[in-house]
Amino acid sequence: MLMAHPAVLQDLIAQYEALTLLGAEESTSQARQRLADISYTLCVATGTKDVDMALIAARHRLSGARPEDDSLLRAEIPAPSASAPVPVH
């Protein structure tokens, strides 16, 4: 299965949340259609059939979403060896 880029998922989540906060379900037909389109795209991007599951899956795939996810950590910097001089500032 193709995986959506985290930036795309984050954007879709933000659009979905904005539309639901604005009450798109009870709004104009254009707003309802946009919410339906975003919901469908979230489902396709996450391989799910339900928008609630799509939101969970999308959030799970975002960087830092899992405790074992180390994608936000910098590469380890080796400690100076005992024979190397330590810079003093």
PDB file of N, CA and C in Angstrom:
ATOM      1  N   MET A   1       0.841  -1.175   0.000  1.00  0.00           N
ATOM      2  CA  MET A   1       0.000   0.000   0.000  1.00  0.00           C
ATOM      3  C   MET A   1       0.889   1.243   0.000  1.00  0.00           C
ATOM      4  N   LEU A   2       0.527   2.215  -0.797  1.00  0.00           N
ATOM      5  CA  LEU A   2       1.237   3.483  -0.808  1.00  0.00           C
ATOM      6  C   LEU A   2       0.932   4.241   0.479  1.00  0.00           C
ATOM      7  N   MET A   3       1.932   4.932   0.975  1.00  0.00           N
ATOM      8  CA  MET A   3       1.762   5.685   2.211  1.00  0.00           C
ATOM      9  C   MET A   3       1.789   7.182   1.895  1.00  0.00           C
ATOM     10  N   ALA A   4       0.839   7.910   2.409  1.00  0.00           N
ATOM     11  CA  ALA A   4       0.797   9.360   2.209  1.00  0.00           C
ATOM     12  C   ALA A   4       1.903  10.008   3.028  1.00  0.00           C
ATOM     13  N   HIS A   5       2.451  11.078   2.507  1.00  0.00           N
ATOM     14  CA  HIS A   5       3.489  11.822   3.210  1.00  0.00           C
ATOM     15  C   HIS A   5       2.877  12.430   4.482  1.00  0.00           C
ATOM     16  N   PRO A   6       3.641  12.454   5.580  1.00  0.00           N
ATOM     17  CA  PRO A   6       3.105  13.026   6.822  1.00  0.00           C
ATOM     18  C   PRO A   6       2.576  14.453   6.665  1.00  0.00           C
ATOM     19  N   ALA A   7       3.188  15.258   5.823  1.00  0.00           N
ATOM     20  CA  ALA A   7       2.697  16.628   5.619  1.00  0.00           C
ATOM     21  C   ALA A   7       1.300  16.621   5.001  1.00  0.00           C
ATOM     22  N   VAL A   8       1.065  15.679   4.100  1.00  0.00           N
ATOM     23  CA  VAL A   8      -0.261  15.559   3.478  1.00  0.00           C
ATOM     24  C   VAL A   8      -1.285  15.133   4.526  1.00  0.00           C
ATOM     25  N   LEU A   9      -0.915  14.148   5.338  1.00  0.00           N
ATOM     26  CA  LEU A   9      -1.826  13.685   6.384  1.00  0.00           C
ATOM     27  C   LEU A   9      -2.143  14.803   7.370  1.00  0.00           C
ATOM     28  N   GLN A  10      -1.123  15.539   7.755  1.00  0.00           N
ATOM     29  CA  GLN A  10      -1.325  16.638   8.698  1.00  0.00           C
ATOM     30  C   GLN A  10      -2.267  17.690   8.113  1.00  0.00           C
ATOM     31  N   ASP A  11      -2.098  17.988   6.837  1.00  0.00           N
ATOM     32  CA  ASP A  11      -2.969  18.958   6.177  1.00  0.00           C
ATOM     33  C   ASP A  11      -4.410  18.449   6.109  1.00  0.00           C
ATOM     34  N   LEU A  12      -4.582  17.185   5.771  1.00  0.00           N
ATOM     35  CA  LEU A  12      -5.930  16.617   5.706  1.00  0.00           C
ATOM     36  C   LEU A  12      -6.604  16.636   7.072  1.00  0.00           C
ATOM     37  N   ILE A  13      -5.860  16.289   8.112  1.00  0.00           N
ATOM     38  CA  ILE A  13      -6.414  16.321   9.469  1.00  0.00           C
ATOM     39  C   ILE A  13      -6.835  17.742   9.827  1.00  0.00           C
ATOM     40  N   ALA A  14      -5.980  18.710   9.530  1.00  0.00           N
ATOM     41  CA  ALA A  14      -6.283  20.110   9.847  1.00  0.00           C
ATOM     42  C   ALA A  14      -7.535  20.580   9.107  1.00  0.00           C
ATOM     43  N   GLN A  15      -7.648  20.228   7.831  1.00  0.00           N
ATOM     44  CA  GLN A  15      -8.832  20.626   7.054  1.00  0.00           C
ATOM     45  C   GLN A  15     -10.092  19.969   7.612  1.00  0.00           C
ATOM     46  N   TYR A  16     -10.000  18.669   7.934  1.00  0.00           N
ATOM     47  CA  TYR A  16     -11.151  17.951   8.480  1.00  0.00           C
ATOM     48  C   TYR A  16     -11.600  18.590   9.798  1.00  0.00           C
ATOM     49  N   GLU A  17     -10.637  18.851  10.681  1.00  0.00           N
ATOM     50  CA  GLU A  17     -10.979  19.441  11.982  1.00  0.00           C
ATOM     51  C   GLU A  17     -11.579  20.835  11.824  1.00  0.00           C
ATOM     52  N   ALA A  18     -11.035  21.637  10.909  1.00  0.00           N
ATOM     53  CA  ALA A  18     -11.578  22.983  10.684  1.00  0.00           C
ATOM     54  C   ALA A  18     -13.013  22.906  10.174  1.00  0.00           C
ATOM     55  N   LEU A  19     -13.252  22.015   9.234  1.00  0.00           N
ATOM     56  CA  LEU A  19     -14.605  21.897   8.678  1.00  0.00           C
ATOM     57  C   LEU A  19     -15.601  21.402   9.718  1.00  0.00           C
ATOM     58  N   THR A  20     -15.184  20.456  10.551  1.00  0.00           N
ATOM     59  CA  THR A  20     -16.110  19.967  11.573  1.00  0.00           C
ATOM     60  C   THR A  20     -16.350  21.020  12.648  1.00  0.00           C
ATOM     61  N   LEU A  21     -15.316  21.796  12.990  1.00  0.00           N
ATOM     62  CA  LEU A  21     -15.507  22.868  13.971  1.00  0.00           C
ATOM     63  C   LEU A  21     -16.457  23.944  13.457  1.00  0.00           C
ATOM     64  N   LEU A  22     -16.399  24.186  12.170  1.00  0.00           N
ATOM     65  CA  LEU A  22     -17.280  25.190  11.566  1.00  0.00           C
ATOM     66  C   LEU A  22     -18.687  24.654  11.311  1.00  0.00           C
ATOM     67  N   GLY A  23     -18.905  23.381  11.607  1.00  0.00           N
ATOM     68  CA  GLY A  23     -20.228  22.796  11.434  1.00  0.00           C
ATOM     69  C   GLY A  23     -20.587  22.522   9.995  1.00  0.00           C
ATOM     70  N   ALA A  24     -19.631  22.049   9.223  1.00  0.00           N
ATOM     71  CA  ALA A  24     -19.872  21.800   7.801  1.00  0.00           C
ATOM     72  C   ALA A  24     -20.964  20.771   7.566  1.00  0.00           C
ATOM     73  N   GLU A  25     -21.193  19.880   8.557  1.00  0.00           N
ATOM     74  CA  GLU A  25     -22.238  18.857   8.384  1.00  0.00           C
ATOM     75  C   GLU A  25     -23.612  19.490   8.201  1.00  0.00           C
ATOM     76  N   GLU A  26     -23.850  20.631   8.878  1.00  0.00           N
ATOM     77  CA  GLU A  26     -25.140  21.302   8.812  1.00  0.00           C
ATOM     78  C   GLU A  26     -25.080  22.590   7.993  1.00  0.00           C
ATOM     79  N   SER A  27     -24.033  22.780   7.248  1.00  0.00           N
ATOM     80  CA  SER A  27     -23.829  24.021   6.516  1.00  0.00           C
ATOM     81  C   SER A  27     -24.298  23.880   5.070  1.00  0.00           C
ATOM     82  N   THR A  28     -23.699  24.660   4.206  1.00  0.00           N
ATOM     83  CA  THR A  28     -24.061  24.652   2.783  1.00  0.00           C
ATOM     84  C   THR A  28     -23.696  23.324   2.137  1.00  0.00           C
ATOM     85  N   SER A  29     -24.291  23.074   1.002  1.00  0.00           N
ATOM     86  CA  SER A  29     -23.983  21.829   0.293  1.00  0.00           C
ATOM     87  C   SER A  29     -22.521  21.808  -0.138  1.00  0.00           C
ATOM     88  N   GLN A  30     -21.953  22.986  -0.424  1.00  0.00           N
ATOM     89  CA  GLN A  30     -20.541  23.052  -0.816  1.00  0.00           C
ATOM     90  C   GLN A  30     -19.636  22.650   0.365  1.00  0.00           C
ATOM     91  N   ALA A  31     -19.957  23.120   1.568  1.00  0.00           N
ATOM     92  CA  ALA A  31     -19.166  22.767   2.751  1.00  0.00           C
ATOM     93  C   ALA A  31     -19.308  21.279   3.076  1.00  0.00           C
ATOM     94  N   ARG A  32     -20.529  20.751   2.954  1.00  0.00           N
ATOM     95  CA  ARG A  32     -20.741  19.313   3.186  1.00  0.00           C
ATOM     96  C   ARG A  32     -19.956  18.474   2.184  1.00  0.00           C
ATOM     97  N   GLN A  33     -19.957  18.920   0.933  1.00  0.00           N
ATOM     98  CA  GLN A  33     -19.222  18.183  -0.099  1.00  0.00           C
ATOM     99  C   GLN A  33     -17.726  18.227   0.178  1.00  0.00           C
ATOM    100  N   ARG A  34     -17.219  19.372   0.603  1.00  0.00           N
ATOM    101  CA  ARG A  34     -15.783  19.484   0.919  1.00  0.00           C
ATOM    102  C   ARG A  34     -15.426  18.570   2.074  1.00  0.00           C
ATOM    103  N   LEU A  35     -16.271  18.497   3.103  1.00  0.00           N
ATOM    104  CA  LEU A  35     -16.031  17.598   4.230  1.00  0.00           C
ATOM    105  C   LEU A  35     -16.055  16.140   3.766  1.00  0.00           C
ATOM    106  N   ALA A  36     -16.995  15.808   2.899  1.00  0.00           N
ATOM    107  CA  ALA A  36     -17.069  14.450   2.358  1.00  0.00           C
ATOM    108  C   ALA A  36     -15.814  14.118   1.551  1.00  0.00           C
ATOM    109  N   ASP A  37     -15.343  15.087   0.760  1.00  0.00           N
ATOM    110  CA  ASP A  37     -14.128  14.876  -0.039  1.00  0.00           C
ATOM    111  C   ASP A  37     -12.897  14.661   0.848  1.00  0.00           C
ATOM    112  N   ILE A  38     -12.763  15.482   1.885  1.00  0.00           N
ATOM    113  CA  ILE A  38     -11.632  15.351   2.808  1.00  0.00           C
ATOM    114  C   ILE A  38     -11.719  14.010   3.536  1.00  0.00           C
ATOM    115  N   SER A  39     -12.908  13.635   3.960  1.00  0.00           N
ATOM    116  CA  SER A  39     -13.103  12.352   4.656  1.00  0.00           C
ATOM    117  C   SER A  39     -12.702  11.192   3.753  1.00  0.00           C
ATOM    118  N   TYR A  40     -13.165  11.236   2.514  1.00  0.00           N
ATOM    119  CA  TYR A  40     -12.824  10.185   1.552  1.00  0.00           C
ATOM    120  C   TYR A  40     -11.320  10.124   1.319  1.00  0.00           C
ATOM    121  N   THR A  41     -10.697  11.278   1.148  1.00  0.00           N
ATOM    122  CA  THR A  41      -9.251  11.323   0.900  1.00  0.00           C
ATOM    123  C   THR A  41      -8.482  10.778   2.094  1.00  0.00           C
ATOM    124  N   LEU A  42      -8.921  11.104   3.304  1.00  0.00           N
ATOM    125  CA  LEU A  42      -8.287  10.546   4.501  1.00  0.00           C
ATOM    126  C   LEU A  42      -8.389   9.020   4.517  1.00  0.00           C
ATOM    127  N   CYS A  43      -9.551   8.506   4.160  1.00  0.00           N
ATOM    128  CA  CYS A  43      -9.737   7.054   4.125  1.00  0.00           C
ATOM    129  C   CYS A  43      -8.829   6.403   3.088  1.00  0.00           C
ATOM    130  N   VAL A  44      -8.744   6.987   1.915  1.00  0.00           N
ATOM    131  CA  VAL A  44      -7.891   6.438   0.865  1.00  0.00           C
ATOM    132  C   VAL A  44      -6.423   6.512   1.279  1.00  0.00           C
ATOM    133  N   ALA A  45      -6.020   7.645   1.851  1.00  0.00           N
ATOM    134  CA  ALA A  45      -4.629   7.845   2.233  1.00  0.00           C
ATOM    135  C   ALA A  45      -4.180   6.931   3.358  1.00  0.00           C
ATOM    136  N   THR A  46      -5.128   6.449   4.164  1.00  0.00           N
ATOM    137  CA  THR A  46      -4.773   5.588   5.299  1.00  0.00           C
ATOM    138  C   THR A  46      -5.192   4.135   5.110  1.00  0.00           C
ATOM    139  N   GLY A  47      -5.897   3.851   4.028  1.00  0.00           N
ATOM    140  CA  GLY A  47      -6.332   2.474   3.780  1.00  0.00           C
ATOM    141  C   GLY A  47      -7.440   2.026   4.703  1.00  0.00           C
ATOM    142  N   THR A  48      -8.281   2.959   5.127  1.00  0.00           N
ATOM    143  CA  THR A  48      -9.389   2.629   6.018  1.00  0.00           C
ATOM    144  C   THR A  48     -10.715   2.913   5.306  1.00  0.00           C
ATOM    145  N   LYS A  49     -11.812   2.480   5.934  1.00  0.00           N
ATOM    146  CA  LYS A  49     -13.131   2.676   5.334  1.00  0.00           C
ATOM    147  C   LYS A  49     -14.014   3.607   6.153  1.00  0.00           C
ATOM    148  N   ASP A  50     -13.505   4.087   7.267  1.00  0.00           N
ATOM    149  CA  ASP A  50     -14.276   4.916   8.185  1.00  0.00           C
ATOM    150  C   ASP A  50     -13.436   6.129   8.549  1.00  0.00           C
ATOM    151  N   VAL A  51     -14.039   7.306   8.551  1.00  0.00           N
ATOM    152  CA  VAL A  51     -13.265   8.525   8.785  1.00  0.00           C
ATOM    153  C   VAL A  51     -12.665   8.557  10.196  1.00  0.00           C
ATOM    154  N   ASP A  52     -13.360   8.006  11.183  1.00  0.00           N
ATOM    155  CA  ASP A  52     -12.790   7.974  12.536  1.00  0.00           C
ATOM    156  C   ASP A  52     -11.532   7.118  12.587  1.00  0.00           C
ATOM    157  N   MET A  53     -11.576   5.971  11.920  1.00  0.00           N
ATOM    158  CA  MET A  53     -10.391   5.113  11.853  1.00  0.00           C
ATOM    159  C   MET A  53      -9.291   5.777  11.021  1.00  0.00           C
ATOM    160  N   ALA A  54      -9.689   6.501   9.992  1.00  0.00           N
ATOM    161  CA  ALA A  54      -8.716   7.212   9.156  1.00  0.00           C
ATOM    162  C   ALA A  54      -7.982   8.270   9.963  1.00  0.00           C
ATOM    163  N   LEU A  55      -8.703   8.987  10.807  1.00  0.00           N
ATOM    164  CA  LEU A  55      -8.071  10.001  11.650  1.00  0.00           C
ATOM    165  C   LEU A  55      -7.090   9.371  12.626  1.00  0.00           C
ATOM    166  N   ILE A  56      -7.478   8.253  13.220  1.00  0.00           N
ATOM    167  CA  ILE A  56      -6.585   7.543  14.142  1.00  0.00           C
ATOM    168  C   ILE A  56      -5.335   7.080  13.404  1.00  0.00           C
ATOM    169  N   ALA A  57      -5.525   6.460  12.250  1.00  0.00           N
ATOM    170  CA  ALA A  57      -4.386   5.959  11.474  1.00  0.00           C
ATOM    171  C   ALA A  57      -3.481   7.099  11.014  1.00  0.00           C
ATOM    172  N   ALA A  58      -4.059   8.199  10.583  1.00  0.00           N
ATOM    173  CA  ALA A  58      -3.261   9.339  10.114  1.00  0.00           C
ATOM    174  C   ALA A  58      -2.448   9.928  11.252  1.00  0.00           C
ATOM    175  N   ARG A  59      -3.066  10.104  12.396  1.00  0.00           N
ATOM    176  CA  ARG A  59      -2.337  10.648  13.553  1.00  0.00           C
ATOM    177  C   ARG A  59      -1.238   9.699  14.001  1.00  0.00           C
ATOM    178  N   HIS A  60      -1.502   8.424  13.893  1.00  0.00           N
ATOM    179  CA  HIS A  60      -0.510   7.419  14.287  1.00  0.00           C
ATOM    180  C   HIS A  60       0.727   7.476  13.388  1.00  0.00           C
ATOM    181  N   ARG A  61       0.526   7.843  12.132  1.00  0.00           N
ATOM    182  CA  ARG A  61       1.639   7.888  11.181  1.00  0.00           C
ATOM    183  C   ARG A  61       2.454   9.172  11.256  1.00  0.00           C
ATOM    184  N   LEU A  62       1.937  10.163  11.969  1.00  0.00           N
ATOM    185  CA  LEU A  62       2.675  11.416  12.071  1.00  0.00           C
ATOM    186  C   LEU A  62       3.893  11.246  12.963  1.00  0.00           C
ATOM    187  N   SER A  63       4.917  11.972  12.654  1.00  0.00           N
ATOM    188  CA  SER A  63       6.166  11.945  13.397  1.00  0.00           C
ATOM    189  C   SER A  63       5.922  12.222  14.880  1.00  0.00           C
ATOM    190  N   GLY A  64       6.515  11.406  15.726  1.00  0.00           N
ATOM    191  CA  GLY A  64       6.387  11.592  17.165  1.00  0.00           C
ATOM    192  C   GLY A  64       5.110  11.024  17.743  1.00  0.00           C
ATOM    193  N   ALA A  65       4.313  10.332  16.952  1.00  0.00           N
ATOM    194  CA  ALA A  65       3.030   9.830  17.421  1.00  0.00           C
ATOM    195  C   ALA A  65       3.160   8.586  18.283  1.00  0.00           C
ATOM    196  N   ARG A  66       4.239   7.857  18.131  1.00  0.00           N
ATOM    197  CA  ARG A  66       4.426   6.623  18.875  1.00  0.00           C
ATOM    198  C   ARG A  66       5.593   6.782  19.844  1.00  0.00           C
ATOM    199  N   PRO A  67       5.510   6.172  21.022  1.00  0.00           N
ATOM    200  CA  PRO A  67       6.590   6.314  21.997  1.00  0.00           C
ATOM    201  C   PRO A  67       7.946   5.837  21.473  1.00  0.00           C
ATOM    202  N   GLU A  68       7.952   4.819  20.624  1.00  0.00           N
ATOM    203  CA  GLU A  68       9.217   4.308  20.111  1.00  0.00           C
ATOM    204  C   GLU A  68       9.701   5.052  18.866  1.00  0.00           C
ATOM    205  N   ASP A  69       8.955   6.054  18.448  1.00  0.00           N
ATOM    206  CA  ASP A  69       9.322   6.825  17.266  1.00  0.00           C
ATOM    207  C   ASP A  69      10.468   7.764  17.618  1.00  0.00           C
ATOM    208  N   ASP A  70      11.597   7.593  16.948  1.00  0.00           N
ATOM    209  CA  ASP A  70      12.750   8.445  17.226  1.00  0.00           C
ATOM    210  C   ASP A  70      13.030   9.404  16.081  1.00  0.00           C
ATOM    211  N   SER A  71      12.038   9.657  15.247  1.00  0.00           N
ATOM    212  CA  SER A  71      12.253  10.491  14.068  1.00  0.00           C
ATOM    213  C   SER A  71      12.548  11.947  14.417  1.00  0.00           C
ATOM    214  N   LEU A  72      12.217  12.357  15.621  1.00  0.00           N
ATOM    215  CA  LEU A  72      12.471  13.740  16.005  1.00  0.00           C
ATOM    216  C   LEU A  72      13.823  13.923  16.690  1.00  0.00           C
ATOM    217  N   LEU A  73      14.482  12.806  16.992  1.00  0.00           N
ATOM    218  CA  LEU A  73      15.766  12.894  17.675  1.00  0.00           C
ATOM    219  C   LEU A  73      16.880  13.196  16.693  1.00  0.00           C
ATOM    220  N   ARG A  74      17.849  13.958  17.141  1.00  0.00           N
ATOM    221  CA  ARG A  74      19.006  14.242  16.300  1.00  0.00           C
ATOM    222  C   ARG A  74      19.892  13.003  16.249  1.00  0.00           C
ATOM    223  N   ALA A  75      20.720  12.943  15.234  1.00  0.00           N
ATOM    224  CA  ALA A  75      21.690  11.856  15.144  1.00  0.00           C
ATOM    225  C   ALA A  75      22.601  11.940  16.357  1.00  0.00           C
ATOM    226  N   GLU A  76      22.983  10.793  16.854  1.00  0.00           N
ATOM    227  CA  GLU A  76      23.858  10.770  18.024  1.00  0.00           C
ATOM    228  C   GLU A  76      25.201  11.405  17.697  1.00  0.00           C
ATOM    229  N   ILE A  77      25.660  12.234  18.591  1.00  0.00           N
ATOM    230  CA  ILE A  77      26.960  12.866  18.447  1.00  0.00           C
ATOM    231  C   ILE A  77      27.916  12.082  19.331  1.00  0.00           C
ATOM    232  N   PRO A  78      28.988  11.539  18.747  1.00  0.00           N
ATOM    233  CA  PRO A  78      29.889  10.731  19.559  1.00  0.00           C
ATOM    234  C   PRO A  78      30.530  11.566  20.661  1.00  0.00           C
ATOM    235  N   ALA A  79      30.670  10.947  21.819  1.00  0.00           N
ATOM    236  CA  ALA A  79      31.325  11.616  22.940  1.00  0.00           C
ATOM    237  C   ALA A  79      32.803  11.767  22.629  1.00  0.00           C
ATOM    238  N   PRO A  80      33.427  12.861  23.086  1.00  0.00           N
ATOM    239  CA  PRO A  80      34.853  13.038  22.809  1.00  0.00           C
ATOM    240  C   PRO A  80      35.654  11.937  23.501  1.00  0.00           C
ATOM    241  N   SER A  81      36.700  11.487  22.829  1.00  0.00           N
ATOM    242  CA  SER A  81      37.530  10.442  23.413  1.00  0.00           C
ATOM    243  C   SER A  81      38.363  11.036  24.539  1.00  0.00           C
ATOM    244  N   ALA A  82      38.871  10.179  25.391  1.00  0.00           N
ATOM    245  CA  ALA A  82      39.649  10.634  26.547  1.00  0.00           C
ATOM    246  C   ALA A  82      40.906  11.362  26.124  1.00  0.00           C
ATOM    247  N   SER A  83      41.480  11.015  24.965  1.00  0.00           N
ATOM    248  CA  SER A  83      42.714  11.654  24.534  1.00  0.00           C
ATOM    249  C   SER A  83      42.483  12.977  23.808  1.00  0.00           C
ATOM    250  N   ALA A  84      41.265  13.248  23.386  1.00  0.00           N
ATOM    251  CA  ALA A  84      40.971  14.476  22.662  1.00  0.00           C
ATOM    252  C   ALA A  84      40.778  15.620  23.645  1.00  0.00           C
ATOM    253  N   PRO A  85      41.314  16.789  23.334  1.00  0.00           N
ATOM    254  CA  PRO A  85      41.136  17.928  24.248  1.00  0.00           C
ATOM    255  C   PRO A  85      39.685  18.389  24.237  1.00  0.00           C
ATOM    256  N   VAL A  86      39.210  18.784  25.383  1.00  0.00           N
ATOM    257  CA  VAL A  86      37.823  19.262  25.514  1.00  0.00           C
ATOM    258  C   VAL A  86      37.861  20.785  25.377  1.00  0.00           C
ATOM    259  N   PRO A  87      37.114  21.342  24.436  1.00  0.00           N
ATOM    260  CA  PRO A  87      37.134  22.801  24.266  1.00  0.00           C
ATOM    261  C   PRO A  87      36.533  23.499  25.481  1.00  0.00           C
ATOM    262  N   VAL A  88      37.139  24.597  25.866  1.00  0.00           N
ATOM    263  CA  VAL A  88      36.650  25.386  27.008  1.00  0.00           C
ATOM    264  C   VAL A  88      36.162  26.715  26.449  1.00  0.00           C
ATOM    265  N   HIS A  89      34.958  27.092  26.850  1.00  0.00           N
ATOM    266  CA  HIS A  89      34.373  28.348  26.351  1.00  0.00           C
ATOM    267  C   HIS A  89      34.407  29.389  27.407  1.00  0.00           C
TER     268      HIS A  89
END
